[in-house]
Amino acid sequence: MTVPATSDPADTRTAEPDGWLGWLTTTDHKRIGLLTLATSVVLLFLMGILALIMRGQLAQPGEDLIDAHTYNQVFTIHGSGMIYLVMTPFAIGLGVYLVPLQVGAPALATPRTTLLGYWLYVLGALSMLCGFAIPSGAARSGWFSYPPLADSDYSPGAGPDLWVIGVAMSAIGILLMAWAVLWTVLRKRAIGMTMLRLPVFSWSMVVTCLMVLGAFPSLLAALVLLALGRGDPAIFDSNVWNIGYQHLFWFYGHPVVYVMFFPYLAAVAEVLAVFCGRRFFGYKATVLSLLVFAALSMSVWGHHMFTTGQASNDYYSLTSILLTVPAGAEYFGMLGTLVGGRIVFRTPMLFALAFIPQFLIGGLTGIMTGTPVIDYHVTDSYFIVAHFHYTLFAGSAFGLFAAVYYWFPKVTGVMLDERLGKIHFWLLVVGANLTFLPMFGLGYKGMPRRVNTYSSVDGFGLLNLLASCGAAVLAAGMIVFAVNILRSLLRRRRGGLAPMPDNPWNAHTLEWATSSPPPPENFTPDRPLPPITSNAPLLDLPMAQKEAEGANPGKTAQPGEPAGPAERSGL
């Protein structure tokens, strides 16, 4: 028995133009998702270059690689780019590509609105980066652009204005794409795909999109206030508006941390289950914890404002610490999946395993900074830089790479090179910890963040040199990653790769039940949806059906190993 996807007259699509025009005007969710993912990866490399410039400037005391004015632009665009242009859009791009496939939908809801969201994101990125091309320079007041530092008196020129416009366009684009993903889950699921049969990744996108819809309007309100203040700086003569801006900004700024966490956590969960050869442990508890985590994330923004004296320290500290409860449930699910599993150490699994302890460091130090007495000591120091980078890079970025190596064959029909993948992994493990671990020591010793130089008598030289050496190792790892992607795509184009099974990992969810790469309509009459009886429908198929499809009954498929004929067809 097979289950058809829900039919909808709105799913009727005309043939798209060939070539670049077809890509730029597409309404195919897979192409829009790919455009979003590719754009964010390109921007990831650009932000990495800015990071290397900063680490070069800070490698030695009194370094003069760039002046203070340029350094302020570099760290502002680096931080802004990683949050507004890389980690958040990549997470939403994964949802745009994968969610319709995972829920058995033939298409994404509101595809034209989704395409508009992508182009707003691109225009926003160009607007932010164009500041480097004008005489006054780019924005230079941090990724949060606090007034009055960010008003036109202290930050004159068009660069900060371009930043405000760019962030606003990018945020609106993400809002539109998130709405489309959420609407797809709610309205276009296949027959049998109940909410409690959604894969973990699709559930993560549900809560992620809910946070985007709840928090991003607050960012837009803060940007409107900042734009008004840049037109009339007298607005920010009152501390009420300065603190009001911080409340608006951080009501967005803390939930966005989990927008940049949940999809990557769920990607790790999918990888762990597949490469352990079992269902994800504690599925319902994990779903509940995601919902609780999302709700609590909207109540903790004030812990970023302890030192202003304008936040209720007891309340925000309590809600911050309460986050450990749903976080613990999610970590317990990941560890429970590993226990008793037949672990296969392929590249996606290595990144998934490294994600667990590294993000844990970021999470636990976040609880520390959510404690007022500790926050007073470490706020605006390199301890915060270390905490945030263990969260965003040593954590979420490792989940990002696990997702890339896991779903790359689904998207392209070819595998990434395993040897290069493992080189990439080990360079990133060494580089990330060598870069960010010394920053905890720098923060403890009192080095403030956002400074472009320091004195030799401060005692910061050795730790900064170690961090800069780690950044060079990270750069080497990213070069290996780029070579791996380009090499695989070029070999595919030249026909230099052997045919790949459609489900090379023996994976469990519906995107692997169709061809790799999927057809425009996702599922076809000759490759229909299998029966959907759980969140891992491909594990539910009876052995008799697998044998009827041509599987070898005498051989048990191992996770992460080449699939037999039944897995080759996705069944």
Protein backbone atom coordinates (compact mmCIF):
# COMPACT_ATOMS: atom_id res chain seq x y z
CA MET A 1 0.00 0.00 0.00
CA THR A 2 1.24 3.48 -0.78
CA VAL A 3 0.02 6.83 0.49
CA PRO A 4 -0.39 9.69 -1.99
CA ALA A 5 0.52 13.21 -1.06
CA THR A 6 -2.35 15.59 -0.55
CA SER A 7 -3.54 17.06 -3.82
CA ASP A 8 -4.10 20.78 -4.13
CA PRO A 9 -5.05 22.76 -7.24
CA ALA A 10 -2.53 25.37 -6.13
CA ASP A 11 0.22 22.78 -6.66
CA THR A 12 -0.16 23.05 -10.45
CA ARG A 13 3.00 24.68 -11.78
CA THR A 14 4.00 25.69 -15.26
CA ALA A 15 7.34 24.64 -16.70
CA GLU A 16 10.16 26.91 -15.57
CA PRO A 17 12.61 28.57 -17.99
CA ASP A 18 15.92 26.86 -18.58
CA GLY A 19 19.26 28.15 -17.36
CA TRP A 20 19.89 30.97 -14.93
CA LEU A 21 16.53 32.62 -15.57
CA GLY A 22 14.80 29.47 -14.38
CA TRP A 23 16.85 29.47 -11.19
CA LEU A 24 16.32 33.17 -10.47
CA THR A 25 12.54 33.03 -10.98
CA THR A 26 11.88 29.52 -9.69
CA THR A 27 8.93 28.49 -7.53
CA ASP A 28 10.40 25.04 -6.82
CA HIS A 29 11.11 24.94 -3.10
CA LYS A 30 14.21 22.83 -3.68
CA ARG A 31 15.77 25.47 -5.92
CA ILE A 32 14.82 28.30 -3.54
CA GLY A 33 16.29 26.31 -0.67
CA LEU A 34 19.48 25.66 -2.62
CA LEU A 35 19.82 29.35 -3.53
CA THR A 36 19.46 30.28 0.14
CA LEU A 37 21.93 27.64 1.30
CA ALA A 38 24.50 28.49 -1.37
CA THR A 39 24.25 32.22 -0.68
CA SER A 40 24.74 31.71 3.05
CA VAL A 41 27.76 29.44 2.48
CA VAL A 42 29.41 32.06 0.25
CA LEU A 43 28.75 34.67 2.94
CA LEU A 44 30.18 32.26 5.55
CA PHE A 45 33.50 32.34 3.70
CA LEU A 46 33.37 36.16 3.47
CA MET A 47 32.69 36.46 7.20
CA GLY A 48 35.55 34.04 7.82
CA ILE A 49 37.91 36.34 5.93
CA LEU A 50 36.83 39.24 8.16
CA ALA A 51 37.47 37.05 11.22
CA LEU A 52 40.99 36.28 9.98
CA ILE A 53 41.67 39.99 9.60
CA MET A 54 40.61 40.55 13.22
CA ARG A 55 42.72 37.69 14.49
CA GLY A 56 45.69 38.98 12.52
CA GLN A 57 45.29 42.38 14.16
CA LEU A 58 45.08 40.85 17.65
CA ALA A 59 47.83 38.23 17.27
CA GLN A 60 50.46 40.48 18.90
CA PRO A 61 50.34 43.49 21.23
CA GLY A 62 50.37 46.85 19.45
CA GLU A 63 49.76 45.31 15.99
CA ASP A 64 48.91 47.84 13.25
CA LEU A 65 47.55 45.61 10.46
CA ILE A 66 44.41 47.79 10.29
CA ASP A 67 43.44 51.01 12.10
CA ALA A 68 40.74 51.29 14.76
CA HIS A 69 38.16 52.76 12.35
CA THR A 70 38.53 49.83 9.95
CA TYR A 71 38.62 47.29 12.78
CA ASN A 72 35.28 48.57 14.08
CA GLN A 73 33.74 48.05 10.64
CA VAL A 74 35.24 44.57 10.31
CA PHE A 75 33.97 43.24 13.66
CA THR A 76 30.54 44.82 13.12
CA ILE A 77 29.99 43.28 9.69
CA HIS A 78 31.50 39.96 10.79
CA GLY A 79 29.12 39.65 13.74
CA SER A 80 26.14 41.00 11.80
CA GLY A 81 26.88 38.77 8.84
CA MET A 82 27.20 35.57 10.84
CA ILE A 83 23.86 36.14 12.57
CA TYR A 84 21.70 37.93 10.01
CA LEU A 85 23.20 36.51 6.82
CA VAL A 86 24.72 33.07 7.54
CA MET A 87 23.49 30.96 10.44
CA THR A 88 19.85 32.11 10.46
CA PRO A 89 19.28 31.99 6.67
CA PHE A 90 21.06 28.63 6.37
CA ALA A 91 18.75 27.18 9.02
CA ILE A 92 15.65 28.52 7.24
CA GLY A 93 17.05 27.40 3.87
CA LEU A 94 17.32 23.84 5.19
CA GLY A 95 13.67 24.05 6.14
CA VAL A 96 12.64 25.39 2.74
CA TYR A 97 14.39 22.50 1.00
CA LEU A 98 13.69 19.60 3.36
CA VAL A 99 10.38 20.17 5.14
CA PRO A 100 8.08 19.57 2.12
CA LEU A 101 9.99 16.37 1.38
CA GLN A 102 9.89 15.21 5.00
CA VAL A 103 6.14 15.79 5.36
CA GLY A 104 5.34 14.24 1.96
CA ALA A 105 4.14 17.48 0.34
CA PRO A 106 4.39 17.96 -3.44
CA ALA A 107 5.43 21.61 -3.02
CA LEU A 108 6.02 24.42 -0.55
CA ALA A 109 3.14 26.65 0.46
CA THR A 110 3.32 30.20 -1.00
CA PRO A 111 6.39 29.57 -3.20
CA ARG A 112 6.38 33.05 -4.77
CA THR A 113 6.35 34.66 -1.34
CA THR A 114 9.27 32.41 -0.42
CA LEU A 115 11.18 33.51 -3.51
CA LEU A 116 10.50 37.14 -2.58
CA GLY A 117 11.90 36.38 0.87
CA TYR A 118 15.09 35.01 -0.68
CA TRP A 119 15.62 38.09 -2.83
CA LEU A 120 15.02 40.42 0.11
CA TYR A 121 17.67 38.44 1.99
CA VAL A 122 20.13 38.84 -0.90
CA LEU A 123 19.44 42.58 -1.24
CA GLY A 124 19.86 42.95 2.52
CA ALA A 125 23.25 41.27 2.37
CA LEU A 126 24.38 43.50 -0.49
CA SER A 127 23.19 46.60 1.37
CA MET A 128 25.17 45.71 4.50
CA LEU A 129 28.34 44.87 2.56
CA CYS A 130 28.17 47.94 0.31
CA GLY A 131 29.15 50.06 3.28
CA PHE A 132 32.76 49.01 2.70
CA ALA A 133 32.62 50.69 -0.73
CA ILE A 134 31.69 54.20 0.45
CA PRO A 135 34.16 56.78 1.83
CA SER A 136 32.67 56.94 5.33
CA GLY A 137 32.85 53.16 5.66
CA ALA A 138 30.49 50.44 6.81
CA ALA A 139 28.57 50.20 10.08
CA ARG A 140 30.85 50.19 13.10
CA SER A 141 28.76 49.96 16.26
CA GLY A 142 28.41 46.19 16.70
CA TRP A 143 25.82 43.70 15.50
CA PHE A 144 23.31 45.15 18.00
CA SER A 145 24.06 48.85 17.17
CA TYR A 146 23.17 50.35 20.54
CA PRO A 147 22.22 54.02 20.54
CA PRO A 148 23.50 56.62 21.10
CA LEU A 149 26.71 55.08 19.68
CA ALA A 150 24.79 54.12 16.53
CA ASP A 151 23.06 57.48 15.98
CA SER A 152 24.20 59.96 13.36
CA ASP A 153 26.20 62.07 15.85
CA TYR A 154 28.55 59.25 16.87
CA SER A 155 28.28 57.11 13.71
CA PRO A 156 27.92 59.55 10.81
CA GLY A 157 27.82 58.55 7.15
CA ALA A 158 25.72 56.29 4.97
CA GLY A 159 27.28 53.00 6.13
CA PRO A 160 25.15 52.63 9.28
CA ASP A 161 22.06 53.61 7.25
CA LEU A 162 22.84 50.85 4.75
CA TRP A 163 23.22 48.48 7.70
CA VAL A 164 19.77 49.37 9.05
CA ILE A 165 18.20 48.90 5.61
CA GLY A 166 20.08 45.66 5.01
CA VAL A 167 19.18 44.10 8.35
CA ALA A 168 15.53 45.09 7.88
CA MET A 169 15.33 43.55 4.39
CA SER A 170 17.06 40.38 5.52
CA ALA A 171 14.75 40.06 8.54
CA ILE A 172 11.64 40.51 6.41
CA GLY A 173 12.94 37.92 3.95
CA ILE A 174 13.50 35.41 6.74
CA LEU A 175 10.02 36.14 8.10
CA LEU A 176 8.43 35.36 4.73
CA MET A 177 10.38 32.13 4.29
CA ALA A 178 9.64 31.01 7.84
CA TRP A 179 5.92 31.61 7.32
CA ALA A 180 5.96 29.47 4.18
CA VAL A 181 7.71 26.59 5.96
CA LEU A 182 5.32 26.71 8.92
CA TRP A 183 2.26 26.87 6.63
CA THR A 184 3.55 23.88 4.68
CA VAL A 185 3.74 21.78 7.84
CA LEU A 186 0.31 22.86 9.02
CA ARG A 187 -1.58 22.53 5.73
CA LYS A 188 0.23 20.34 3.21
CA ARG A 189 1.24 17.18 5.07
CA ALA A 190 0.68 13.86 3.31
CA ILE A 191 -2.10 11.51 4.38
CA GLY A 192 -0.98 9.73 7.54
CA MET A 193 1.60 12.37 8.46
CA THR A 194 0.20 13.51 11.81
CA MET A 195 2.04 16.10 13.88
CA LEU A 196 3.45 13.37 16.14
CA ARG A 197 4.82 11.56 13.09
CA LEU A 198 6.85 14.53 11.92
CA PRO A 199 10.60 13.89 11.83
CA VAL A 200 12.63 15.62 14.52
CA PHE A 201 14.02 18.06 11.95
CA SER A 202 10.55 19.12 10.78
CA TRP A 203 9.46 19.63 14.40
CA SER A 204 12.53 21.79 14.96
CA MET A 205 11.49 23.91 11.98
CA VAL A 206 7.99 24.31 13.42
CA VAL A 207 9.31 25.77 16.68
CA THR A 208 12.01 27.74 14.85
CA CYS A 209 9.45 29.37 12.57
CA LEU A 210 7.20 30.14 15.54
CA MET A 211 10.11 31.96 17.19
CA VAL A 212 10.88 33.84 13.98
CA LEU A 213 7.27 34.99 13.69
CA GLY A 214 7.20 35.97 17.36
CA ALA A 215 10.59 37.68 17.71
CA PHE A 216 11.58 39.20 14.36
CA PRO A 217 8.88 41.93 14.42
CA SER A 218 10.58 43.23 17.57
CA LEU A 219 13.83 43.58 15.62
CA LEU A 220 12.00 45.54 12.91
CA ALA A 221 10.52 47.83 15.57
CA ALA A 222 14.00 48.41 17.03
CA LEU A 223 15.35 49.23 13.55
CA VAL A 224 12.55 51.75 13.00
CA LEU A 225 13.45 53.40 16.31
CA LEU A 226 17.13 53.45 15.35
CA ALA A 227 16.33 54.93 11.94
CA LEU A 228 14.29 57.69 13.58
CA GLY A 229 17.16 58.33 15.96
CA ARG A 230 19.61 58.62 13.11
CA GLY A 231 17.36 61.27 11.59
CA ASP A 232 16.96 63.09 14.93
CA PRO A 233 19.68 62.10 17.42
CA ALA A 234 17.96 64.11 20.15
CA ILE A 235 15.59 61.15 20.56
CA PHE A 236 18.36 59.25 22.30
CA ASP A 237 19.12 62.06 24.74
CA SER A 238 16.56 60.32 26.92
CA ASN A 239 17.72 57.12 28.56
CA VAL A 240 14.18 55.80 28.23
CA TRP A 241 14.63 55.39 24.47
CA ASN A 242 18.13 53.92 24.83
CA ILE A 243 16.89 51.26 27.24
CA GLY A 244 13.73 50.83 25.20
CA TYR A 245 15.85 50.03 22.15
CA GLN A 246 17.72 47.39 24.14
CA HIS A 247 14.49 45.77 25.28
CA LEU A 248 13.18 45.65 21.71
CA PHE A 249 16.46 44.36 20.33
CA TRP A 250 17.07 41.63 22.90
CA PHE A 251 13.46 40.43 22.70
CA TYR A 252 14.65 39.41 19.22
CA GLY A 253 18.30 38.82 20.11
CA HIS A 254 17.87 35.95 22.52
CA PRO A 255 15.29 33.86 20.61
CA VAL A 256 17.45 34.19 17.50
CA VAL A 257 20.13 32.20 19.34
CA TYR A 258 17.72 29.25 19.31
CA VAL A 259 16.70 29.95 15.71
CA MET A 260 20.40 29.30 15.08
CA PHE A 261 20.36 26.23 17.32
CA PHE A 262 17.20 24.12 16.93
CA PRO A 263 17.57 23.22 13.21
CA TYR A 264 21.21 22.23 13.72
CA LEU A 265 20.39 20.27 16.86
CA ALA A 266 17.70 18.43 14.89
CA ALA A 267 20.08 17.77 12.01
CA VAL A 268 22.44 16.20 14.55
CA ALA A 269 19.53 14.16 15.94
CA GLU A 270 18.70 12.82 12.45
CA VAL A 271 22.35 11.92 11.84
CA LEU A 272 22.74 10.21 15.23
CA ALA A 273 19.67 8.04 14.64
CA VAL A 274 20.76 6.97 11.14
CA PHE A 275 24.39 6.28 11.99
CA CYS A 276 23.40 4.37 15.12
CA GLY A 277 20.93 2.27 13.12
CA ARG A 278 18.01 2.97 15.45
CA ARG A 279 15.13 5.37 16.08
CA PHE A 280 15.86 8.63 17.85
CA PHE A 281 15.54 8.02 21.58
CA GLY A 282 12.87 9.95 23.48
CA TYR A 283 11.12 11.39 20.42
CA LYS A 284 8.03 12.73 22.25
CA ALA A 285 10.07 14.13 25.13
CA THR A 286 12.31 15.91 22.64
CA VAL A 287 9.33 17.42 20.80
CA LEU A 288 7.88 18.65 24.09
CA SER A 289 11.26 20.05 25.16
CA LEU A 290 11.56 21.98 21.89
CA LEU A 291 8.17 23.59 22.48
CA VAL A 292 8.99 24.44 26.11
CA PHE A 293 12.42 25.73 25.11
CA ALA A 294 10.88 27.99 22.45
CA ALA A 295 8.36 29.39 24.93
CA LEU A 296 11.00 30.04 27.60
CA SER A 297 13.33 31.64 25.06
CA MET A 298 10.87 34.52 24.74
CA SER A 299 11.15 35.29 28.46
CA VAL A 300 14.90 35.56 29.10
CA TRP A 301 15.98 38.55 27.00
CA GLY A 302 16.63 40.75 30.05
CA HIS A 303 19.70 38.76 31.14
CA HIS A 304 21.57 40.68 28.44
CA MET A 305 20.76 43.86 30.39
CA PHE A 306 21.77 42.99 33.96
CA THR A 307 24.43 45.69 34.08
CA THR A 308 22.04 48.42 32.89
CA GLY A 309 20.17 48.30 36.20
CA GLN A 310 16.94 48.32 34.20
CA ALA A 311 16.14 44.59 34.27
CA SER A 312 14.66 42.35 36.97
CA ASN A 313 17.73 40.31 37.82
CA ASP A 314 15.90 37.66 39.84
CA TYR A 315 13.24 37.01 37.19
CA TYR A 316 15.58 36.86 34.19
CA SER A 317 18.13 34.78 36.06
CA LEU A 318 15.44 32.28 37.03
CA THR A 319 14.07 31.94 33.50
CA SER A 320 17.60 31.62 32.13
CA ILE A 321 18.42 28.77 34.49
CA LEU A 322 15.07 27.08 33.73
CA LEU A 323 16.31 26.63 30.15
CA THR A 324 18.54 23.84 31.42
CA VAL A 325 15.47 21.61 31.91
CA PRO A 326 14.35 21.32 28.24
CA ALA A 327 18.00 21.47 27.13
CA GLY A 328 18.74 18.50 29.38
CA ALA A 329 15.89 16.52 27.82
CA GLU A 330 17.31 17.15 24.34
CA TYR A 331 20.82 16.12 25.36
CA PHE A 332 19.43 13.04 27.08
CA GLY A 333 17.69 12.10 23.81
CA MET A 334 20.95 12.40 21.88
CA LEU A 335 22.94 10.39 24.41
CA GLY A 336 20.18 7.80 24.68
CA THR A 337 20.28 7.32 20.92
CA LEU A 338 24.00 6.56 21.11
CA VAL A 339 23.64 3.95 23.86
CA GLY A 340 23.30 0.52 22.29
CA GLY A 341 23.54 1.80 18.75
CA ARG A 342 25.68 0.29 15.96
CA ILE A 343 27.72 3.44 15.49
CA VAL A 344 29.28 4.07 12.08
CA PHE A 345 31.91 6.82 12.09
CA ARG A 346 31.27 8.54 8.76
CA THR A 347 31.89 12.27 8.37
CA PRO A 348 28.32 13.41 9.22
CA MET A 349 28.48 11.34 12.39
CA LEU A 350 31.84 12.83 13.42
CA PHE A 351 30.47 16.36 13.18
CA ALA A 352 27.34 15.29 15.07
CA LEU A 353 29.37 13.74 17.87
CA ALA A 354 31.61 16.80 18.19
CA PHE A 355 28.55 19.04 18.33
CA ILE A 356 27.40 17.47 21.61
CA PRO A 357 30.29 18.42 23.96
CA GLN A 358 31.22 21.64 22.19
CA PHE A 359 27.73 23.11 22.26
CA LEU A 360 27.45 21.95 25.85
CA ILE A 361 30.34 24.26 26.72
CA GLY A 362 28.50 27.14 25.05
CA GLY A 363 25.27 26.28 26.83
CA LEU A 364 26.76 25.91 30.31
CA THR A 365 28.72 29.16 30.04
CA GLY A 366 25.47 30.77 28.92
CA ILE A 367 23.89 29.72 32.22
CA MET A 368 26.90 31.27 33.96
CA THR A 369 26.36 34.60 32.22
CA GLY A 370 22.67 34.32 33.10
CA THR A 371 23.73 34.56 36.77
CA PRO A 372 23.97 38.27 37.66
CA VAL A 373 26.96 38.06 40.00
CA ILE A 374 29.03 36.34 37.29
CA ASP A 375 27.65 38.51 34.51
CA TYR A 376 28.81 41.68 36.29
CA HIS A 377 32.38 40.39 36.11
CA VAL A 378 32.49 39.00 32.56
CA THR A 379 30.08 41.25 30.65
CA ASP A 380 31.62 42.89 27.58
CA SER A 381 34.77 40.80 28.03
CA TYR A 382 36.26 38.08 25.86
CA PHE A 383 34.50 35.52 28.08
CA ILE A 384 31.29 36.51 26.26
CA VAL A 385 33.06 36.20 22.89
CA ALA A 386 34.19 32.68 23.81
CA HIS A 387 30.74 31.67 25.08
CA PHE A 388 28.97 32.94 21.99
CA HIS A 389 31.43 31.32 19.58
CA TYR A 390 31.19 27.97 21.35
CA THR A 391 27.46 28.32 20.82
CA LEU A 392 27.47 29.62 17.26
CA PHE A 393 30.56 28.03 15.68
CA ALA A 394 31.89 25.17 17.81
CA GLY A 395 28.24 24.21 18.28
CA SER A 396 25.77 25.23 15.58
CA ALA A 397 28.32 25.35 12.75
CA PHE A 398 29.30 21.73 13.50
CA GLY A 399 25.61 20.87 13.20
CA LEU A 400 25.59 22.79 9.93
CA PHE A 401 28.45 20.70 8.56
CA ALA A 402 26.82 17.48 9.77
CA ALA A 403 23.75 18.54 7.78
CA VAL A 404 25.82 19.37 4.68
CA TYR A 405 27.63 16.03 4.61
CA TYR A 406 24.43 14.12 5.41
CA TRP A 407 22.06 15.76 2.90
CA PHE A 408 24.57 16.64 0.16
CA PRO A 409 23.97 13.32 -1.68
CA LYS A 410 20.21 13.88 -1.45
CA VAL A 411 20.52 17.35 -2.98
CA THR A 412 23.12 16.59 -5.66
CA GLY A 413 23.09 12.84 -6.26
CA VAL A 414 26.80 12.55 -5.39
CA MET A 415 28.71 11.91 -2.18
CA LEU A 416 31.31 14.23 -0.73
CA ASP A 417 34.78 12.69 -0.46
CA GLU A 418 35.07 10.88 2.87
CA ARG A 419 38.83 11.36 3.23
CA LEU A 420 38.63 15.11 2.66
CA GLY A 421 35.60 15.25 4.95
CA LYS A 422 37.53 13.73 7.83
CA ILE A 423 40.47 16.08 7.25
CA HIS A 424 38.00 18.97 7.32
CA PHE A 425 36.51 17.64 10.55
CA TRP A 426 39.76 17.28 12.47
CA LEU A 427 41.05 20.69 11.34
CA LEU A 428 37.82 22.27 12.57
CA VAL A 429 37.90 20.44 15.92
CA VAL A 430 41.48 21.55 16.57
CA GLY A 431 40.96 25.03 15.14
CA ALA A 432 37.70 25.78 16.97
CA ASN A 433 38.98 24.78 20.38
CA LEU A 434 42.39 26.40 19.87
CA THR A 435 40.67 29.63 18.83
CA PHE A 436 37.87 29.94 21.35
CA LEU A 437 39.10 28.18 24.50
CA PRO A 438 41.85 30.79 25.17
CA MET A 439 39.18 33.50 24.96
CA PHE A 440 37.69 32.31 28.24
CA GLY A 441 41.07 32.99 29.84
CA LEU A 442 41.28 36.39 28.16
CA GLY A 443 37.87 37.31 29.51
CA TYR A 444 38.74 36.11 32.99
CA LYS A 445 41.91 38.22 32.89
CA GLY A 446 39.86 41.27 31.89
CA MET A 447 40.40 41.76 28.16
CA PRO A 448 37.43 43.77 26.86
CA ARG A 449 35.74 42.78 23.62
CA ARG A 450 35.67 45.07 20.56
CA VAL A 451 39.18 46.48 21.12
CA ASN A 452 41.59 46.60 18.19
CA THR A 453 44.84 46.43 20.18
CA TYR A 454 46.29 45.96 23.66
CA SER A 455 49.53 46.61 25.54
CA SER A 456 52.27 44.05 26.11
CA VAL A 457 52.00 44.67 29.86
CA ASP A 458 48.35 43.46 29.91
CA GLY A 459 49.38 39.81 29.74
CA PHE A 460 47.05 39.02 26.85
CA GLY A 461 49.71 38.24 24.23
CA LEU A 462 50.12 34.45 24.51
CA LEU A 463 46.42 33.64 24.65
CA ASN A 464 45.71 35.94 21.70
CA LEU A 465 48.51 34.33 19.71
CA LEU A 466 47.03 30.88 20.39
CA ALA A 467 43.60 32.09 19.29
CA SER A 468 45.02 33.55 16.09
CA CYS A 469 46.88 30.29 15.33
CA GLY A 470 43.60 28.45 15.85
CA ALA A 471 41.90 30.79 13.37
CA ALA A 472 44.54 29.85 10.80
CA VAL A 473 43.77 26.14 11.39
CA LEU A 474 40.05 26.90 10.93
CA ALA A 475 40.84 28.64 7.65
CA ALA A 476 42.74 25.56 6.45
CA GLY A 477 39.76 23.39 7.33
CA MET A 478 37.39 25.65 5.40
CA ILE A 479 39.65 25.50 2.35
CA VAL A 480 39.49 21.69 2.49
CA PHE A 481 35.69 21.95 2.74
CA ALA A 482 35.52 24.21 -0.33
CA VAL A 483 37.80 21.87 -2.29
CA ASN A 484 35.63 18.89 -1.34
CA ILE A 485 32.42 20.54 -2.55
CA LEU A 486 33.91 21.88 -5.79
CA ARG A 487 35.70 18.61 -6.56
CA SER A 488 32.55 16.55 -6.06
CA LEU A 489 30.39 18.88 -8.16
CA LEU A 490 32.95 19.03 -10.97
CA ARG A 491 33.35 15.25 -11.03
CA ARG A 492 29.58 14.90 -11.15
CA ARG A 493 29.38 17.32 -14.08
CA ARG A 494 32.10 15.42 -15.95
CA GLY A 495 30.54 12.06 -15.18
CA GLY A 496 33.55 10.89 -13.17
CA LEU A 497 31.57 9.37 -10.31
CA ALA A 498 29.96 5.95 -10.04
CA PRO A 499 26.16 5.86 -9.69
CA MET A 500 25.01 6.43 -6.12
CA PRO A 501 22.04 4.76 -4.41
CA ASP A 502 19.14 7.11 -3.75
CA ASN A 503 19.40 6.33 -0.04
CA PRO A 504 23.11 5.81 0.58
CA TRP A 505 22.83 6.12 4.37
CA ASN A 506 19.86 3.74 4.83
CA ALA A 507 18.10 6.76 6.33
CA HIS A 508 14.68 6.77 7.94
CA THR A 509 12.69 9.79 6.76
CA LEU A 510 10.60 10.50 3.68
CA GLU A 511 13.05 12.68 1.76
CA TRP A 512 15.05 9.48 1.19
CA ALA A 513 12.03 7.68 -0.32
CA THR A 514 12.35 9.63 -3.56
CA SER A 515 15.19 9.94 -6.04
CA SER A 516 18.42 11.80 -5.34
CA PRO A 517 18.16 14.59 -6.37
CA PRO A 518 14.35 14.71 -6.08
CA PRO A 519 12.14 15.43 -9.12
CA PRO A 520 10.30 18.78 -9.39
CA GLU A 521 7.10 17.25 -7.98
CA ASN A 522 9.02 15.51 -5.12
CA PHE A 523 7.17 12.19 -5.38
CA THR A 524 6.06 10.52 -8.62
CA PRO A 525 3.64 7.65 -9.44
CA ASP A 526 6.56 5.28 -9.98
CA ARG A 527 8.14 6.42 -6.69
CA PRO A 528 5.12 6.99 -4.42
CA LEU A 529 5.16 7.65 -0.73
CA PRO A 530 5.42 4.60 1.54
CA PRO A 531 2.89 4.12 4.34
CA ILE A 532 3.46 6.67 7.13
CA THR A 533 3.07 5.05 10.52
CA SER A 534 5.71 6.85 12.63
CA ASN A 535 8.36 9.58 12.53
CA ALA A 536 10.73 7.09 10.84
CA PRO A 537 8.54 5.58 8.07
CA LEU A 538 11.39 3.94 6.14
CA LEU A 539 12.24 1.92 9.23
CA ASP A 540 8.65 0.72 9.44
CA LEU A 541 8.60 -1.01 6.06
CA PRO A 542 8.26 -4.77 6.61
CA MET A 543 11.11 -6.98 5.46
CA ALA A 544 8.75 -8.77 3.08
CA GLN A 545 8.17 -5.55 1.21
CA LYS A 546 11.90 -4.86 1.07
CA GLU A 547 12.48 -8.33 -0.31
CA ALA A 548 9.73 -7.82 -2.88
CA GLU A 549 11.59 -4.72 -4.04
CA GLY A 550 14.74 -6.77 -4.60
CA ALA A 551 16.65 -6.60 -1.35
CA ASN A 552 19.00 -9.40 -0.43
CA PRO A 553 17.25 -11.16 2.50
CA GLY A 554 20.50 -12.64 3.70
CA LYS A 555 22.22 -9.32 4.22
CA THR A 556 21.41 -6.76 6.91
CA ALA A 557 22.05 -3.20 5.75
CA GLN A 558 24.34 -1.26 8.07
CA PRO A 559 23.77 2.44 8.71
CA GLY A 560 26.01 4.67 6.68
CA GLU A 561 27.11 1.86 4.37
CA PRO A 562 26.18 1.43 0.68
CA ALA A 563 22.54 0.42 0.39
CA GLY A 564 21.16 -2.67 -1.27
CA PRO A 565 18.68 -2.58 -4.13
CA ALA A 566 15.72 -1.87 -1.84
CA GLU A 567 17.46 1.10 -0.24
CA ARG A 568 18.65 2.17 -3.68
CA SER A 569 15.03 2.76 -4.61
CA GLY A 570 14.39 4.54 -1.34
CA LEU A 571 12.32 1.67 0.01
